[in-house]
Amino acid sequence: MQNSPAVRMTIPEDNIRTKSISEAEPLLRDLFLFTAENRTFGVPAEEVEGTAEAKCPAPLPRAPAAILGVVYARGRVLTLIDPLIIAGDGASPRAQPFSAIIALRGDEQLALAADSISETITISYSDIEPPSDAADTDPISAIAGILRHGGEKISILDPARLFDAAVQRKDRRRRRF
């Protein structure tokens, strides 16, 4: 038998050079901006499915104040959340009705009530400050951070924590006898 040179099998991943992200390169994020009364909010743009005109929500019995009800928008029934109450600004009913609905992606089928839709901006992760307000330090806060952009303070909402922050850990499927 003849000794043949050893053949090494490779997988495609071995041939791909991976680029490591250096600390000098900023991590960028697109934020979808909207306002509710006098406050500006931002949501990661990849979490926004779309927008719709405001509709009167059907109220839910015994729902927390942050949940305005359910609406049918963009082919789905969505739980409508008031971002002002989530942020700790809206303990009382709104002075004016909202004019837009921001439908979010995800299995929880959530939407946010907005007074106006703004632009989508691209920011660096390093520009986001941790929340500092007393309302933002709750253990179930949906405020992911604060951004100062164009002279405005923008509260960035975390869609993954919105529902938990709205119900404040109340078990939504618990039977009451």
C-alpha atoms as a PDB file:
ATOM      1  CA  MET A   1       0.000   0.000   0.000  1.00  0.00           C
ATOM      2  CA  GLN A   2       1.034   3.408  -0.787  1.00  0.00           C
ATOM      3  CA  ASN A   3       0.986   6.064   1.919  1.00  0.00           C
ATOM      4  CA  SER A   4      -1.081   8.966   0.696  1.00  0.00           C
ATOM      5  CA  PRO A   5      -0.844  12.343   2.331  1.00  0.00           C
ATOM      6  CA  ALA A   6      -3.437  12.899   5.023  1.00  0.00           C
ATOM      7  CA  VAL A   7      -6.475  14.697   3.708  1.00  0.00           C
ATOM      8  CA  ARG A   8      -8.119  17.062   6.100  1.00  0.00           C
ATOM      9  CA  MET A   9     -11.828  17.603   5.681  1.00  0.00           C
ATOM     10  CA  THR A  10     -13.048  21.109   6.331  1.00  0.00           C
ATOM     11  CA  ILE A  11     -16.426  22.508   6.944  1.00  0.00           C
ATOM     12  CA  PRO A  12     -17.560  25.730   5.269  1.00  0.00           C
ATOM     13  CA  GLU A  13     -17.386  27.675   8.527  1.00  0.00           C
ATOM     14  CA  ASP A  14     -13.641  27.045   8.666  1.00  0.00           C
ATOM     15  CA  ASN A  15     -13.196  28.916   5.408  1.00  0.00           C
ATOM     16  CA  ILE A  16     -15.181  31.980   6.419  1.00  0.00           C
ATOM     17  CA  ARG A  17     -13.231  34.699   8.075  1.00  0.00           C
ATOM     18  CA  THR A  18     -15.204  36.211  10.877  1.00  0.00           C
ATOM     19  CA  LYS A  19     -14.851  39.876  11.460  1.00  0.00           C
ATOM     20  CA  SER A  20     -14.545  40.784  15.087  1.00  0.00           C
ATOM     21  CA  ILE A  21     -16.168  43.994  16.143  1.00  0.00           C
ATOM     22  CA  SER A  22     -13.600  46.252  17.644  1.00  0.00           C
ATOM     23  CA  GLU A  23     -14.422  48.608  20.437  1.00  0.00           C
ATOM     24  CA  ALA A  24     -13.687  51.510  18.104  1.00  0.00           C
ATOM     25  CA  GLU A  25     -16.666  50.576  15.915  1.00  0.00           C
ATOM     26  CA  PRO A  26     -19.934  51.784  17.417  1.00  0.00           C
ATOM     27  CA  LEU A  27     -22.864  49.384  17.613  1.00  0.00           C
ATOM     28  CA  LEU A  28     -25.735  51.091  15.851  1.00  0.00           C
ATOM     29  CA  ARG A  29     -29.453  50.763  16.462  1.00  0.00           C
ATOM     30  CA  ASP A  30     -32.457  52.196  14.623  1.00  0.00           C
ATOM     31  CA  LEU A  31     -35.089  53.746  16.873  1.00  0.00           C
ATOM     32  CA  PHE A  32     -38.685  54.406  15.884  1.00  0.00           C
ATOM     33  CA  LEU A  33     -39.747  57.626  17.637  1.00  0.00           C
ATOM     34  CA  PHE A  34     -43.215  58.712  18.730  1.00  0.00           C
ATOM     35  CA  THR A  35     -44.772  61.085  21.227  1.00  0.00           C
ATOM     36  CA  ALA A  36     -47.411  60.674  23.892  1.00  0.00           C
ATOM     37  CA  GLU A  37     -48.632  63.982  25.300  1.00  0.00           C
ATOM     38  CA  ASN A  38     -45.427  65.899  26.135  1.00  0.00           C
ATOM     39  CA  ARG A  39     -43.002  62.952  26.189  1.00  0.00           C
ATOM     40  CA  THR A  40     -40.956  61.362  23.386  1.00  0.00           C
ATOM     41  CA  PHE A  41     -40.457  57.610  23.279  1.00  0.00           C
ATOM     42  CA  GLY A  42     -38.339  55.301  21.169  1.00  0.00           C
ATOM     43  CA  VAL A  43     -38.771  51.626  20.296  1.00  0.00           C
ATOM     44  CA  PRO A  44     -36.216  49.520  18.402  1.00  0.00           C
ATOM     45  CA  ALA A  45     -37.321  49.811  14.767  1.00  0.00           C
ATOM     46  CA  GLU A  46     -36.985  46.053  14.181  1.00  0.00           C
ATOM     47  CA  GLU A  47     -39.694  45.505  16.840  1.00  0.00           C
ATOM     48  CA  VAL A  48     -42.268  47.712  15.058  1.00  0.00           C
ATOM     49  CA  GLU A  49     -44.615  45.881  12.703  1.00  0.00           C
ATOM     50  CA  GLY A  50     -46.431  49.023  11.564  1.00  0.00           C
ATOM     51  CA  THR A  51     -48.737  51.856  12.486  1.00  0.00           C
ATOM     52  CA  ALA A  52     -52.460  52.477  12.216  1.00  0.00           C
ATOM     53  CA  GLU A  53     -54.926  55.245  12.920  1.00  0.00           C
ATOM     54  CA  ALA A  54     -56.279  55.300  16.430  1.00  0.00           C
ATOM     55  CA  LYS A  55     -59.342  53.229  17.186  1.00  0.00           C
ATOM     56  CA  CYS A  56     -61.421  53.195  20.318  1.00  0.00           C
ATOM     57  CA  PRO A  57     -60.100  50.271  22.371  1.00  0.00           C
ATOM     58  CA  ALA A  58     -62.510  47.718  23.800  1.00  0.00           C
ATOM     59  CA  PRO A  59     -61.926  47.855  27.557  1.00  0.00           C
ATOM     60  CA  LEU A  60     -60.850  44.761  29.448  1.00  0.00           C
ATOM     61  CA  PRO A  61     -62.432  44.057  32.843  1.00  0.00           C
ATOM     62  CA  ARG A  62     -60.052  44.451  35.792  1.00  0.00           C
ATOM     63  CA  ALA A  63     -57.203  45.506  33.519  1.00  0.00           C
ATOM     64  CA  PRO A  64     -54.382  47.556  35.016  1.00  0.00           C
ATOM     65  CA  ALA A  65     -54.340  51.274  34.210  1.00  0.00           C
ATOM     66  CA  ALA A  66     -51.526  50.860  31.650  1.00  0.00           C
ATOM     67  CA  ILE A  67     -53.681  48.568  29.486  1.00  0.00           C
ATOM     68  CA  LEU A  68     -56.188  50.715  27.604  1.00  0.00           C
ATOM     69  CA  GLY A  69     -57.984  47.696  26.107  1.00  0.00           C
ATOM     70  CA  VAL A  70     -57.776  45.722  22.884  1.00  0.00           C
ATOM     71  CA  VAL A  71     -57.959  46.981  19.299  1.00  0.00           C
ATOM     72  CA  TYR A  72     -58.135  45.318  15.924  1.00  0.00           C
ATOM     73  CA  ALA A  73     -55.305  46.647  13.776  1.00  0.00           C
ATOM     74  CA  ARG A  74     -53.165  45.273  10.980  1.00  0.00           C
ATOM     75  CA  GLY A  75     -55.127  42.003  10.917  1.00  0.00           C
ATOM     76  CA  ARG A  76     -54.620  41.183  14.593  1.00  0.00           C
ATOM     77  CA  VAL A  77     -56.249  41.859  17.936  1.00  0.00           C
ATOM     78  CA  LEU A  78     -53.676  43.817  19.925  1.00  0.00           C
ATOM     79  CA  THR A  79     -53.438  44.750  23.599  1.00  0.00           C
ATOM     80  CA  LEU A  80     -53.092  48.538  23.640  1.00  0.00           C
ATOM     81  CA  ILE A  81     -50.648  49.925  26.211  1.00  0.00           C
ATOM     82  CA  ASP A  82     -50.330  53.535  27.348  1.00  0.00           C
ATOM     83  CA  PRO A  83     -46.592  54.392  27.373  1.00  0.00           C
ATOM     84  CA  LEU A  84     -47.172  57.331  29.727  1.00  0.00           C
ATOM     85  CA  ILE A  85     -48.323  55.037  32.520  1.00  0.00           C
ATOM     86  CA  ILE A  86     -45.466  52.618  31.782  1.00  0.00           C
ATOM     87  CA  ALA A  87     -43.050  55.538  32.150  1.00  0.00           C
ATOM     88  CA  GLY A  88     -44.734  56.754  35.335  1.00  0.00           C
ATOM     89  CA  ASP A  89     -46.120  59.982  33.826  1.00  0.00           C
ATOM     90  CA  GLY A  90     -49.775  59.126  33.387  1.00  0.00           C
ATOM     91  CA  ALA A  91     -51.399  58.378  36.708  1.00  0.00           C
ATOM     92  CA  SER A  92     -54.543  60.201  35.586  1.00  0.00           C
ATOM     93  CA  PRO A  93     -56.561  59.732  32.378  1.00  0.00           C
ATOM     94  CA  ARG A  94     -55.164  61.353  29.259  1.00  0.00           C
ATOM     95  CA  ALA A  95     -56.098  64.970  28.616  1.00  0.00           C
ATOM     96  CA  GLN A  96     -56.546  64.202  24.918  1.00  0.00           C
ATOM     97  CA  PRO A  97     -57.251  60.971  23.065  1.00  0.00           C
ATOM     98  CA  PHE A  98     -54.375  59.321  21.239  1.00  0.00           C
ATOM     99  CA  SER A  99     -54.268  59.511  17.434  1.00  0.00           C
ATOM    100  CA  ALA A 100     -52.104  56.550  16.360  1.00  0.00           C
ATOM    101  CA  ILE A 101     -51.386  52.935  17.215  1.00  0.00           C
ATOM    102  CA  ILE A 102     -47.930  51.393  16.926  1.00  0.00           C
ATOM    103  CA  ALA A 103     -48.229  47.626  16.399  1.00  0.00           C
ATOM    104  CA  LEU A 104     -45.283  45.644  17.752  1.00  0.00           C
ATOM    105  CA  ARG A 105     -43.934  42.321  16.569  1.00  0.00           C
ATOM    106  CA  GLY A 106     -44.029  39.288  18.829  1.00  0.00           C
ATOM    107  CA  ASP A 107     -46.257  36.649  20.287  1.00  0.00           C
ATOM    108  CA  GLU A 108     -47.712  38.922  22.971  1.00  0.00           C
ATOM    109  CA  GLN A 109     -49.513  41.007  20.294  1.00  0.00           C
ATOM    110  CA  LEU A 110     -48.965  44.412  21.843  1.00  0.00           C
ATOM    111  CA  ALA A 111     -49.493  47.936  20.561  1.00  0.00           C
ATOM    112  CA  LEU A 112     -48.594  51.348  21.940  1.00  0.00           C
ATOM    113  CA  ALA A 113     -50.868  54.406  22.003  1.00  0.00           C
ATOM    114  CA  ALA A 114     -49.258  57.482  20.470  1.00  0.00           C
ATOM    115  CA  ASP A 115     -50.250  61.089  19.862  1.00  0.00           C
ATOM    116  CA  SER A 116     -47.920  61.469  16.907  1.00  0.00           C
ATOM    117  CA  ILE A 117     -45.465  59.380  14.941  1.00  0.00           C
ATOM    118  CA  SER A 118     -42.028  60.864  14.447  1.00  0.00           C
ATOM    119  CA  GLU A 119     -39.000  59.714  12.497  1.00  0.00           C
ATOM    120  CA  THR A 120     -36.702  56.702  12.673  1.00  0.00           C
ATOM    121  CA  ILE A 121     -33.189  57.603  13.751  1.00  0.00           C
ATOM    122  CA  THR A 122     -29.929  55.662  13.931  1.00  0.00           C
ATOM    123  CA  ILE A 123     -28.017  55.929  17.182  1.00  0.00           C
ATOM    124  CA  SER A 124     -25.006  54.353  18.818  1.00  0.00           C
ATOM    125  CA  TYR A 125     -25.406  52.079  21.846  1.00  0.00           C
ATOM    126  CA  SER A 126     -22.920  54.275  23.670  1.00  0.00           C
ATOM    127  CA  ASP A 127     -25.362  57.224  23.463  1.00  0.00           C
ATOM    128  CA  ILE A 128     -27.955  55.419  25.603  1.00  0.00           C
ATOM    129  CA  GLU A 129     -27.878  56.296  29.305  1.00  0.00           C
ATOM    130  CA  PRO A 130     -29.292  54.006  31.989  1.00  0.00           C
ATOM    131  CA  PRO A 131     -32.680  55.138  33.312  1.00  0.00           C
ATOM    132  CA  SER A 132     -32.321  57.464  36.287  1.00  0.00           C
ATOM    133  CA  ASP A 133     -35.870  58.515  37.230  1.00  0.00           C
ATOM    134  CA  ALA A 134     -37.461  56.973  40.300  1.00  0.00           C
ATOM    135  CA  ALA A 135     -40.233  55.478  38.136  1.00  0.00           C
ATOM    136  CA  ASP A 136     -37.659  53.905  35.877  1.00  0.00           C
ATOM    137  CA  THR A 137     -35.947  51.959  38.674  1.00  0.00           C
ATOM    138  CA  ASP A 138     -38.894  49.648  39.286  1.00  0.00           C
ATOM    139  CA  PRO A 139     -37.918  45.972  39.175  1.00  0.00           C
ATOM    140  CA  ILE A 140     -40.261  45.497  36.198  1.00  0.00           C
ATOM    141  CA  SER A 141     -39.541  48.693  34.309  1.00  0.00           C
ATOM    142  CA  ALA A 142     -39.943  48.685  30.546  1.00  0.00           C
ATOM    143  CA  ILE A 143     -37.644  51.698  30.185  1.00  0.00           C
ATOM    144  CA  ALA A 144     -34.419  50.335  28.686  1.00  0.00           C
ATOM    145  CA  GLY A 145     -32.588  53.644  28.714  1.00  0.00           C
ATOM    146  CA  ILE A 146     -32.622  57.366  28.052  1.00  0.00           C
ATOM    147  CA  LEU A 147     -31.326  59.086  24.926  1.00  0.00           C
ATOM    148  CA  ARG A 148     -30.669  62.783  24.534  1.00  0.00           C
ATOM    149  CA  HIS A 149     -31.107  63.664  20.867  1.00  0.00           C
ATOM    150  CA  GLY A 150     -31.788  67.021  19.241  1.00  0.00           C
ATOM    151  CA  GLY A 151     -32.409  68.691  22.591  1.00  0.00           C
ATOM    152  CA  GLU A 152     -35.023  66.105  23.585  1.00  0.00           C
ATOM    153  CA  LYS A 153     -35.030  63.435  26.246  1.00  0.00           C
ATOM    154  CA  ILE A 154     -36.188  60.175  24.641  1.00  0.00           C
ATOM    155  CA  SER A 155     -37.274  57.241  26.796  1.00  0.00           C
ATOM    156  CA  ILE A 156     -36.386  53.970  25.059  1.00  0.00           C
ATOM    157  CA  LEU A 157     -38.931  51.212  25.678  1.00  0.00           C
ATOM    158  CA  ASP A 158     -38.019  47.531  25.815  1.00  0.00           C
ATOM    159  CA  PRO A 159     -40.833  45.612  24.026  1.00  0.00           C
ATOM    160  CA  ALA A 160     -39.853  42.366  25.769  1.00  0.00           C
ATOM    161  CA  ARG A 161     -40.726  43.888  29.168  1.00  0.00           C
ATOM    162  CA  LEU A 162     -43.776  45.960  28.199  1.00  0.00           C
ATOM    163  CA  PHE A 163     -46.461  43.489  29.196  1.00  0.00           C
ATOM    164  CA  ASP A 164     -44.832  42.596  32.519  1.00  0.00           C
ATOM    165  CA  ALA A 165     -44.454  46.291  33.332  1.00  0.00           C
ATOM    166  CA  ALA A 166     -48.086  46.949  32.385  1.00  0.00           C
ATOM    167  CA  VAL A 167     -49.517  44.240  34.623  1.00  0.00           C
ATOM    168  CA  GLN A 168     -46.842  44.587  37.338  1.00  0.00           C
ATOM    169  CA  ARG A 169     -46.530  40.819  37.803  1.00  0.00           C
ATOM    170  CA  LYS A 170     -50.214  40.173  38.248  1.00  0.00           C
ATOM    171  CA  ASP A 171     -50.973  36.660  37.126  1.00  0.00           C
ATOM    172  CA  ARG A 172     -53.253  37.206  34.138  1.00  0.00           C
ATOM    173  CA  ARG A 173     -54.613  33.662  34.024  1.00  0.00           C
ATOM    174  CA  ARG A 174     -55.186  33.085  37.727  1.00  0.00           C
ATOM    175  CA  ARG A 175     -58.698  31.914  38.549  1.00  0.00           C
ATOM    176  CA  ARG A 176     -60.494  33.813  41.250  1.00  0.00           C
ATOM    177  CA  PHE A 177     -63.049  32.091  43.448  1.00  0.00           C
END
